[in-house]
C-alpha atoms as a PDB file:
ATOM      1  CA  MET A   1     -21.886   8.962  -2.634  1.00  0.00           C
ATOM      2  CA  ALA A   2     -19.986   8.468  -5.900  1.00  0.00           C
ATOM      3  CA  ASN A   3     -20.785   5.406  -7.992  1.00  0.00           C
ATOM      4  CA  PRO A   4     -18.776   2.529  -6.434  1.00  0.00           C
ATOM      5  CA  THR A   5     -16.424   0.351  -8.499  1.00  0.00           C
ATOM      6  CA  LEU A   6     -15.079  -3.183  -8.161  1.00  0.00           C
ATOM      7  CA  THR A   7     -11.361  -3.995  -8.219  1.00  0.00           C
ATOM      8  CA  PRO A   8     -10.450  -6.611 -10.904  1.00  0.00           C
ATOM      9  CA  PHE A   9      -9.315  -9.963  -9.541  1.00  0.00           C
ATOM     10  CA  PRO A  10      -5.617 -10.922  -9.736  1.00  0.00           C
ATOM     11  CA  THR A  11      -4.286 -13.969 -11.584  1.00  0.00           C
ATOM     12  CA  PRO A  12      -5.884 -17.048  -9.940  1.00  0.00           C
ATOM     13  CA  PRO A  13      -3.968 -20.117  -8.705  1.00  0.00           C
ATOM     14  CA  LEU A  14      -3.937 -22.833 -11.381  1.00  0.00           C
ATOM     15  CA  PRO A  15      -2.830 -26.482 -11.157  1.00  0.00           C
ATOM     16  CA  GLU A  16      -0.195 -26.035 -13.866  1.00  0.00           C
ATOM     17  CA  GLN A  17       1.637 -23.297 -11.937  1.00  0.00           C
ATOM     18  CA  ASP A  18       4.788 -24.058  -9.939  1.00  0.00           C
ATOM     19  CA  GLU A  19       4.373 -24.276  -6.181  1.00  0.00           C
ATOM     20  CA  VAL A  20       5.730 -20.804  -5.332  1.00  0.00           C
ATOM     21  CA  THR A  21       3.563 -19.137  -8.008  1.00  0.00           C
ATOM     22  CA  PHE A  22       0.527 -21.199  -6.992  1.00  0.00           C
ATOM     23  CA  ASN A  23       0.938 -20.261  -3.304  1.00  0.00           C
ATOM     24  CA  ARG A  24       1.473 -16.585  -4.132  1.00  0.00           C
ATOM     25  CA  ASN A  25      -1.559 -16.499  -6.465  1.00  0.00           C
ATOM     26  CA  ALA A  26      -3.649 -18.391  -3.911  1.00  0.00           C
ATOM     27  CA  ALA A  27      -2.762 -15.832  -1.229  1.00  0.00           C
ATOM     28  CA  ASN A  28      -3.459 -12.928  -3.604  1.00  0.00           C
ATOM     29  CA  SER A  29      -6.771 -14.494  -4.609  1.00  0.00           C
ATOM     30  CA  LEU A  30      -7.841 -14.953  -0.979  1.00  0.00           C
ATOM     31  CA  LEU A  31      -6.931 -11.336  -0.179  1.00  0.00           C
ATOM     32  CA  ALA A  32      -8.783 -10.180  -3.310  1.00  0.00           C
ATOM     33  CA  GLN A  33     -11.845 -12.214  -2.265  1.00  0.00           C
ATOM     34  CA  ALA A  34     -11.855 -10.563   1.163  1.00  0.00           C
ATOM     35  CA  ASN A  35     -11.520  -7.128  -0.490  1.00  0.00           C
ATOM     36  CA  PHE A  36     -14.263  -8.042  -2.971  1.00  0.00           C
ATOM     37  CA  VAL A  37     -16.688  -8.827  -0.149  1.00  0.00           C
ATOM     38  CA  ASN A  38     -16.166  -5.305   1.209  1.00  0.00           C
ATOM     39  CA  GLU A  39     -16.491  -3.699  -2.213  1.00  0.00           C
ATOM     40  CA  GLY A  40     -19.463  -5.924  -3.100  1.00  0.00           C
ATOM     41  CA  ASN A  41     -21.231  -4.905   0.102  1.00  0.00           C
ATOM     42  CA  ILE A  42     -20.641  -1.264  -0.785  1.00  0.00           C
ATOM     43  CA  VAL A  43     -22.092  -1.827  -4.282  1.00  0.00           C
ATOM     44  CA  ILE A  44     -25.123  -3.671  -2.891  1.00  0.00           C
ATOM     45  CA  THR A  45     -25.675  -0.951  -0.286  1.00  0.00           C
ATOM     46  CA  TRP A  46     -25.410   1.701  -2.999  1.00  0.00           C
ATOM     47  CA  MET A  47     -27.950  -0.127  -5.187  1.00  0.00           C
ATOM     48  CA  GLY A  48     -30.307  -0.427  -2.237  1.00  0.00           C
ATOM     49  CA  GLN A  49     -30.005   3.306  -1.592  1.00  0.00           C
ATOM     50  CA  GLN A  50     -30.806   4.084  -5.227  1.00  0.00           C
ATOM     51  CA  ILE A  51     -33.860   1.804  -5.195  1.00  0.00           C
ATOM     52  CA  ASP A  52     -35.039   3.176  -1.840  1.00  0.00           C
ATOM     53  CA  ALA A  53     -34.624   6.747  -3.064  1.00  0.00           C
ATOM     54  CA  ALA A  54     -36.575   6.009  -6.248  1.00  0.00           C
ATOM     55  CA  ALA A  55     -39.328   4.255  -4.290  1.00  0.00           C
ATOM     56  CA  ALA A  56     -39.525   7.184  -1.853  1.00  0.00           C
ATOM     57  CA  SER A  57     -39.729   9.614  -4.750  1.00  0.00           C
ATOM     58  CA  LYS A  58     -42.517   7.574  -6.322  1.00  0.00           C
ATOM     59  CA  LYS A  59     -44.448   7.481  -3.031  1.00  0.00           C
ATOM     60  CA  ALA A  60     -43.973  11.204  -2.535  1.00  0.00           C
ATOM     61  CA  ALA A  61     -45.302  11.846  -6.023  1.00  0.00           C
ATOM     62  CA  ALA A  62     -48.319   9.627  -5.381  1.00  0.00           C
ATOM     63  CA  ASP A  63     -49.011  11.461  -2.111  1.00  0.00           C
ATOM     64  CA  SER A  64     -48.729  14.735  -3.950  1.00  0.00           C
ATOM     65  CA  ALA A  65     -51.239  13.521  -6.524  1.00  0.00           C
ATOM     66  CA  THR A  66     -53.716  12.615  -3.731  1.00  0.00           C
ATOM     67  CA  ALA A  67     -53.317  16.029  -2.132  1.00  0.00           C
ATOM     68  CA  ALA A  68     -53.789  17.676  -5.490  1.00  0.00           C
ATOM     69  CA  GLY A  69     -57.069  15.845  -5.972  1.00  0.00           C
ATOM     70  CA  GLN A  70     -58.317  17.291  -2.674  1.00  0.00           C
ATOM     71  CA  SER A  71     -57.591  20.853  -3.762  1.00  0.00           C
ATOM     72  CA  ALA A  72     -60.463  22.030  -6.001  1.00  0.00           C
ATOM     73  CA  ASP A  73     -58.834  25.257  -7.199  1.00  0.00           C
ATOM     74  CA  SER A  74     -55.640  23.682  -8.509  1.00  0.00           C
ATOM     75  CA  ALA A  75     -56.611  20.035  -8.764  1.00  0.00           C
ATOM     76  CA  GLY A  76     -56.000  19.794 -12.473  1.00  0.00           C
ATOM     77  CA  THR A  77     -52.583  21.457 -12.383  1.00  0.00           C
ATOM     78  CA  GLN A  78     -51.427  19.594  -9.296  1.00  0.00           C
ATOM     79  CA  ALA A  79     -52.699  16.280 -10.654  1.00  0.00           C
ATOM     80  CA  GLY A  80     -50.776  16.868 -13.857  1.00  0.00           C
ATOM     81  CA  ASN A  81     -47.635  17.762 -11.967  1.00  0.00           C
ATOM     82  CA  ALA A  82     -48.051  14.767  -9.674  1.00  0.00           C
ATOM     83  CA  LYS A  83     -48.475  12.466 -12.653  1.00  0.00           C
ATOM     84  CA  ASN A  84     -45.328  13.845 -14.235  1.00  0.00           C
ATOM     85  CA  SER A  85     -43.453  13.335 -10.951  1.00  0.00           C
ATOM     86  CA  ALA A  86     -44.832   9.828 -10.610  1.00  0.00           C
ATOM     87  CA  ASP A  87     -43.799   9.001 -14.159  1.00  0.00           C
ATOM     88  CA  ALA A  88     -40.317  10.391 -13.537  1.00  0.00           C
ATOM     89  CA  ALA A  89     -40.049   8.406 -10.296  1.00  0.00           C
ATOM     90  CA  ALA A  90     -41.195   5.250 -12.049  1.00  0.00           C
ATOM     91  CA  ARG A  91     -38.589   5.782 -14.752  1.00  0.00           C
ATOM     92  CA  SER A  92     -35.942   6.386 -12.080  1.00  0.00           C
ATOM     93  CA  LEU A  93     -36.961   3.213 -10.242  1.00  0.00           C
ATOM     94  CA  ALA A  94     -36.885   1.211 -13.468  1.00  0.00           C
ATOM     95  CA  SER A  95     -33.487   2.685 -14.288  1.00  0.00           C
ATOM     96  CA  SER A  96     -32.138   1.768 -10.842  1.00  0.00           C
ATOM     97  CA  GLU A  97     -33.439  -1.780 -11.182  1.00  0.00           C
ATOM     98  CA  THR A  98     -31.860  -2.014 -14.634  1.00  0.00           C
ATOM     99  CA  VAL A  99     -28.520  -0.819 -13.218  1.00  0.00           C
ATOM    100  CA  ALA A 100     -28.763  -3.340 -10.375  1.00  0.00           C
ATOM    101  CA  ALA A 101     -29.492  -6.160 -12.817  1.00  0.00           C
ATOM    102  CA  ALA A 102     -26.626  -5.053 -15.057  1.00  0.00           C
ATOM    103  CA  VAL A 103     -24.190  -5.001 -12.117  1.00  0.00           C
ATOM    104  CA  ARG A 104     -25.258  -8.482 -11.034  1.00  0.00           C
ATOM    105  CA  ALA A 105     -24.940  -9.754 -14.606  1.00  0.00           C
ATOM    106  CA  GLN A 106     -21.541  -8.096 -15.078  1.00  0.00           C
ATOM    107  CA  ILE A 107     -19.989  -9.692 -12.017  1.00  0.00           C
ATOM    108  CA  ALA A 108     -22.155 -12.832 -12.155  1.00  0.00           C
ATOM    109  CA  LEU A 109     -23.348 -12.604  -8.569  1.00  0.00           C
ATOM    110  CA  PRO A 110     -25.509 -15.526  -7.441  1.00  0.00           C
ATOM    111  CA  SER A 111     -28.219 -15.044  -4.833  1.00  0.00           C
ATOM    112  CA  LEU A 112     -26.909 -14.653  -1.281  1.00  0.00           C
ATOM    113  CA  ALA A 113     -29.929 -16.445   0.238  1.00  0.00           C
ATOM    114  CA  GLY A 114     -28.853 -19.577   2.130  1.00  0.00           C
ATOM    115  CA  GLN A 115     -25.137 -18.937   1.495  1.00  0.00           C
ATOM    116  CA  LYS A 116     -24.101 -18.163   5.086  1.00  0.00           C
ATOM    117  CA  GLY A 117     -20.472 -19.000   5.841  1.00  0.00           C
ATOM    118  CA  LYS A 118     -19.405 -19.339   2.200  1.00  0.00           C
ATOM    119  CA  PHE A 119     -16.776 -17.272   0.378  1.00  0.00           C
ATOM    120  CA  TRP A 120     -16.309 -15.892  -3.109  1.00  0.00           C
ATOM    121  CA  ARG A 121     -13.963 -17.604  -5.543  1.00  0.00           C
ATOM    122  CA  VAL A 122     -13.152 -17.361  -9.254  1.00  0.00           C
ATOM    123  CA  ALA A 123     -15.072 -19.976 -11.254  1.00  0.00           C
ATOM    124  CA  GLN A 124     -13.407 -22.425 -13.653  1.00  0.00           C
ATOM    125  CA  ASP A 125     -14.147 -20.149 -16.625  1.00  0.00           C
ATOM    126  CA  GLU A 126     -11.935 -17.477 -14.974  1.00  0.00           C
ATOM    127  CA  LYS A 127     -14.576 -14.883 -15.874  1.00  0.00           C
ATOM    128  CA  THR A 128     -17.272 -15.229 -13.207  1.00  0.00           C
ATOM    129  CA  LEU A 129     -17.535 -15.543  -9.442  1.00  0.00           C
ATOM    130  CA  GLU A 130     -19.205 -18.222  -7.394  1.00  0.00           C
ATOM    131  CA  LEU A 131     -19.903 -18.936  -3.735  1.00  0.00           C
ATOM    132  CA  ALA A 132     -18.165 -22.005  -2.338  1.00  0.00           C
ATOM    133  CA  ASP A 133     -17.539 -23.875   0.901  1.00  0.00           C
ATOM    134  CA  VAL A 134     -13.952 -24.288   2.078  1.00  0.00           C
ATOM    135  CA  THR A 135     -14.380 -28.025   1.483  1.00  0.00           C
ATOM    136  CA  GLN A 136     -14.984 -27.327  -2.220  1.00  0.00           C
ATOM    137  CA  THR A 137     -11.496 -25.817  -2.476  1.00  0.00           C
ATOM    138  CA  ILE A 138      -9.500 -27.861   0.049  1.00  0.00           C
ATOM    139  CA  THR A 139     -10.848 -31.402  -0.217  1.00  0.00           C
ATOM    140  CA  LYS A 140      -8.196 -33.262   1.812  1.00  0.00           C
ATOM    141  CA  TYR A 141      -5.339 -32.425   4.133  1.00  0.00           C
ATOM    142  CA  PHE A 142      -2.498 -34.258   5.837  1.00  0.00           C
ATOM    143  CA  VAL A 143      -0.320 -33.445   8.867  1.00  0.00           C
ATOM    144  CA  SER A 144       2.686 -35.677   9.357  1.00  0.00           C
ATOM    145  CA  ALA A 145       3.948 -37.123  12.587  1.00  0.00           C
ATOM    146  CA  ALA A 146       6.986 -35.354  14.048  1.00  0.00           C
ATOM    147  CA  GLN A 147      10.218 -36.358  12.292  1.00  0.00           C
ATOM    148  CA  GLN A 148      13.695 -35.926  13.736  1.00  0.00           C
ATOM    149  CA  LEU A 149      15.352 -32.964  12.042  1.00  0.00           C
ATOM    150  CA  VAL A 150      18.457 -33.758   9.971  1.00  0.00           C
ATOM    151  CA  ARG A 151      21.256 -31.846   8.292  1.00  0.00           C
ATOM    152  CA  GLY A 152      22.633 -32.843   4.929  1.00  0.00           C
ATOM    153  CA  GLY A 153      20.098 -35.599   4.394  1.00  0.00           C
ATOM    154  CA  SER A 154      16.502 -36.259   3.440  1.00  0.00           C
ATOM    155  CA  ILE A 155      13.207 -37.414   4.950  1.00  0.00           C
ATOM    156  CA  ASN A 156      10.518 -39.312   3.019  1.00  0.00           C
ATOM    157  CA  ILE A 157       6.936 -38.949   4.257  1.00  0.00           C
ATOM    158  CA  ASN A 158       3.959 -40.874   2.839  1.00  0.00           C
ATOM    159  CA  HIS A 159       0.979 -38.513   2.765  1.00  0.00           C
ATOM    160  CA  GLY A 160      -1.787 -40.810   1.422  1.00  0.00           C
ATOM    161  CA  LEU A 161      -3.678 -38.000  -0.330  1.00  0.00           C
ATOM    162  CA  GLY A 162      -3.826 -39.775  -3.690  1.00  0.00           C
ATOM    163  CA  GLN A 163      -2.525 -36.786  -5.650  1.00  0.00           C
ATOM    164  CA  ARG A 164       0.286 -34.251  -5.553  1.00  0.00           C
ATOM    165  CA  PRO A 165      -0.416 -31.643  -2.828  1.00  0.00           C
ATOM    166  CA  LYS A 166      -1.460 -28.178  -4.006  1.00  0.00           C
ATOM    167  CA  ILE A 167      -0.228 -26.413  -0.873  1.00  0.00           C
ATOM    168  CA  MET A 168       2.409 -27.444   1.676  1.00  0.00           C
ATOM    169  CA  SER A 169       3.930 -25.942   4.793  1.00  0.00           C
ATOM    170  CA  ALA A 170       6.246 -27.125   7.567  1.00  0.00           C
ATOM    171  CA  TYR A 171       7.034 -26.326  11.188  1.00  0.00           C
ATOM    172  CA  ILE A 172       9.731 -27.377  13.646  1.00  0.00           C
ATOM    173  CA  THR A 173       9.159 -28.102  17.344  1.00  0.00           C
ATOM    174  CA  CYS A 174      11.800 -27.594  20.034  1.00  0.00           C
ATOM    175  CA  VAL A 175      12.488 -30.783  22.004  1.00  0.00           C
ATOM    176  CA  THR A 176      15.674 -29.588  23.740  1.00  0.00           C
ATOM    177  CA  ALA A 177      16.020 -25.922  24.720  1.00  0.00           C
ATOM    178  CA  GLU A 178      18.477 -23.834  22.689  1.00  0.00           C
ATOM    179  CA  TRP A 179      18.905 -20.323  21.262  1.00  0.00           C
ATOM    180  CA  GLY A 180      16.412 -18.979  23.816  1.00  0.00           C
ATOM    181  CA  TYR A 181      13.669 -21.414  22.773  1.00  0.00           C
ATOM    182  CA  SER A 182      11.906 -23.642  25.297  1.00  0.00           C
ATOM    183  CA  VAL A 183      10.740 -27.211  24.865  1.00  0.00           C
ATOM    184  CA  GLY A 184       7.418 -27.175  22.990  1.00  0.00           C
ATOM    185  CA  ASP A 185       8.055 -23.917  21.094  1.00  0.00           C
ATOM    186  CA  VAL A 186       6.908 -24.185  17.456  1.00  0.00           C
ATOM    187  CA  LEU A 187       8.416 -22.311  14.490  1.00  0.00           C
ATOM    188  CA  GLU A 188       7.031 -22.152  10.966  1.00  0.00           C
ATOM    189  CA  VAL A 189       9.872 -22.717   8.464  1.00  0.00           C
ATOM    190  CA  SER A 190      10.296 -22.020   4.775  1.00  0.00           C
ATOM    191  CA  LEU A 191      10.124 -24.805   2.190  1.00  0.00           C
ATOM    192  CA  ALA A 192      13.030 -23.353   0.249  1.00  0.00           C
ATOM    193  CA  VAL A 193      16.820 -23.282   0.104  1.00  0.00           C
ATOM    194  CA  ALA A 194      18.266 -19.857   0.902  1.00  0.00           C
ATOM    195  CA  SER A 195      21.476 -18.274   2.120  1.00  0.00           C
ATOM    196  CA  ALA A 196      21.981 -17.115   5.705  1.00  0.00           C
ATOM    197  CA  SER A 197      24.676 -15.212   7.602  1.00  0.00           C
ATOM    198  CA  ASP A 198      26.093 -16.684  10.789  1.00  0.00           C
ATOM    199  CA  GLN A 199      27.229 -14.639  13.787  1.00  0.00           C
ATOM    200  CA  SER A 200      30.542 -13.811  12.099  1.00  0.00           C
ATOM    201  CA  GLY A 201      28.766 -12.481   9.004  1.00  0.00           C
ATOM    202  CA  TYR A 202      29.772 -15.389   6.762  1.00  0.00           C
ATOM    203  CA  ARG A 203      27.005 -16.413   4.368  1.00  0.00           C
ATOM    204  CA  TYR A 204      26.049 -20.058   4.043  1.00  0.00           C
ATOM    205  CA  PRO A 205      23.573 -21.829   1.793  1.00  0.00           C
ATOM    206  CA  ALA A 206      20.959 -23.340   4.095  1.00  0.00           C
ATOM    207  CA  GLY A 207      17.368 -24.521   4.413  1.00  0.00           C
ATOM    208  CA  MET A 208      15.604 -27.324   2.596  1.00  0.00           C
ATOM    209  CA  GLY A 209      14.008 -28.167  -0.708  1.00  0.00           C
ATOM    210  CA  VAL A 210      10.814 -30.170  -1.155  1.00  0.00           C
ATOM    211  CA  LEU A 211       9.807 -32.840  -3.665  1.00  0.00           C
ATOM    212  CA  SER A 212       6.276 -34.227  -3.805  1.00  0.00           C
ATOM    213  CA  ASP A 213       4.149 -36.593  -5.866  1.00  0.00           C
ATOM    214  CA  ALA A 214       0.860 -38.438  -5.457  1.00  0.00           C
ATOM    215  CA  THR A 215       2.152 -40.545  -2.560  1.00  0.00           C
ATOM    216  CA  THR A 216       5.284 -39.044  -1.007  1.00  0.00           C
ATOM    217  CA  ILE A 217       6.745 -35.774   0.271  1.00  0.00           C
ATOM    218  CA  THR A 218      10.557 -35.674   0.366  1.00  0.00           C
ATOM    219  CA  LEU A 219      12.393 -33.048   2.414  1.00  0.00           C
ATOM    220  CA  LEU A 220      15.949 -32.364   1.201  1.00  0.00           C
ATOM    221  CA  PHE A 221      18.130 -30.649   3.833  1.00  0.00           C
ATOM    222  CA  HIS A 222      21.292 -28.653   3.198  1.00  0.00           C
ATOM    223  CA  SER A 223      24.258 -29.647   5.357  1.00  0.00           C
ATOM    224  CA  PHE A 224      24.052 -26.408   7.371  1.00  0.00           C
ATOM    225  CA  GLY A 225      20.421 -27.143   8.209  1.00  0.00           C
ATOM    226  CA  ILE A 226      17.555 -24.751   8.826  1.00  0.00           C
ATOM    227  CA  PRO A 227      18.379 -21.115   9.708  1.00  0.00           C
ATOM    228  CA  ILE A 228      16.395 -19.525  12.538  1.00  0.00           C
ATOM    229  CA  ASN A 229      16.548 -16.316  14.581  1.00  0.00           C
ATOM    230  CA  THR A 230      17.391 -16.443  18.248  1.00  0.00           C
ATOM    231  CA  LYS A 231      14.229 -16.040  20.334  1.00  0.00           C
ATOM    232  CA  ASN A 232      15.223 -13.422  22.910  1.00  0.00           C
ATOM    233  CA  ASN A 233      17.806 -11.273  21.115  1.00  0.00           C
ATOM    234  CA  LEU A 234      16.147  -9.952  17.954  1.00  0.00           C
ATOM    235  CA  SER A 235      17.778  -6.506  17.865  1.00  0.00           C
ATOM    236  CA  GLY A 236      20.406  -6.945  15.158  1.00  0.00           C
ATOM    237  CA  ALA A 237      20.624 -10.670  15.871  1.00  0.00           C
ATOM    238  CA  GLN A 238      22.477 -12.874  13.427  1.00  0.00           C
ATOM    239  CA  VAL A 239      20.869 -15.993  12.010  1.00  0.00           C
ATOM    240  CA  VAL A 240      21.710 -19.243  13.796  1.00  0.00           C
ATOM    241  CA  PHE A 241      21.124 -22.829  12.724  1.00  0.00           C
ATOM    242  CA  ALA A 242      18.754 -25.258  14.423  1.00  0.00           C
ATOM    243  CA  ASN A 243      20.670 -28.171  15.899  1.00  0.00           C
ATOM    244  CA  ALA A 244      19.124 -31.306  14.418  1.00  0.00           C
ATOM    245  CA  ALA A 245      19.056 -33.196  17.727  1.00  0.00           C
ATOM    246  CA  ASN A 246      17.081 -30.415  19.410  1.00  0.00           C
ATOM    247  CA  TRP A 247      14.145 -30.142  16.974  1.00  0.00           C
ATOM    248  CA  THR A 248      11.570 -32.235  15.162  1.00  0.00           C
ATOM    249  CA  ILE A 249       9.859 -31.275  11.905  1.00  0.00           C
ATOM    250  CA  SER A 250       6.287 -31.823  10.692  1.00  0.00           C
ATOM    251  CA  VAL A 251       4.696 -31.189   7.292  1.00  0.00           C
ATOM    252  CA  ARG A 252       1.183 -30.123   6.334  1.00  0.00           C
ATOM    253  CA  ALA A 253      -0.202 -30.855   2.832  1.00  0.00           C
ATOM    254  CA  PHE A 254      -3.489 -29.912   1.177  1.00  0.00           C
ATOM    255  CA  VAL A 255      -5.251 -30.979  -2.058  1.00  0.00           C
END
C-alpha cells in the first residue's frame, strides 16, 4: 500500500462572510470533514500496519536469536545475525512510531478515546482540527409557524435567537391542491430572487429575498411569487408559480 495522503481542507465558513458564501463554505467544510474521516481512517490503519509489521519483525528476530542459541555449531553466527535483525527491527519500530507521532502532530489529531458520535471541524486558528459535538456548532435553532404565502409583499417573523442567524432555509406546504400537488405536500424553496420561464417561455423575475437581524427575519416576495415545478409532469415541464392562497411558508434559522 502506497503512503496515504490527506486532502487539504477548503475555505471554512466564517461569520464575516455573506450568507451564500457562508452556506457554500459550510457545505464544503462538512463534505470535507466526511472525506477526512475516511482518509484519516486510512492513515491510522496504515500506521497500525507499519507498527504491527515492525513488531512482528522484532518478534521474529528475537525468536531467531533464541533458536540460534540452541544451535551449538552456529550459535555465535546466528546470535550475531539475530541481534542485527533485532536492532534493525527496533529501529524500524522506532521509525514507525516517529512517523505516527509526526502525522498526529502535523494534523493535530486529538485522542479518539471517549469521542464517540463527534465530528471533525476546523479549529478557530484555522490550522488545526478538533472533535466537536453538533451542539458546539449549532447552539440554537428556530422553526417558524406556518405563514400564509404572499406575492408582492413581505412577512416579518420574530425568531428570538438573540443574534443574526448563521444559516436559514424555508419550505412551503400545500394547503389547497394545485399543479399536481396534494394537501400536505412540502417543498423546500430557495431564499433568493431568480428569473423563471412560464409555460409560454416568457421569463419573469420571481422568488424572494431575505433580511435578518438579531430579532427578526423578513421575507420579501416578488410580485410573481415563488416558482415551482409541476409535480407529475417533469419531462420538459415549464416552471409555474405557487398560488399564494394555496400554500403556507415556514422558515428555519440556526445560530
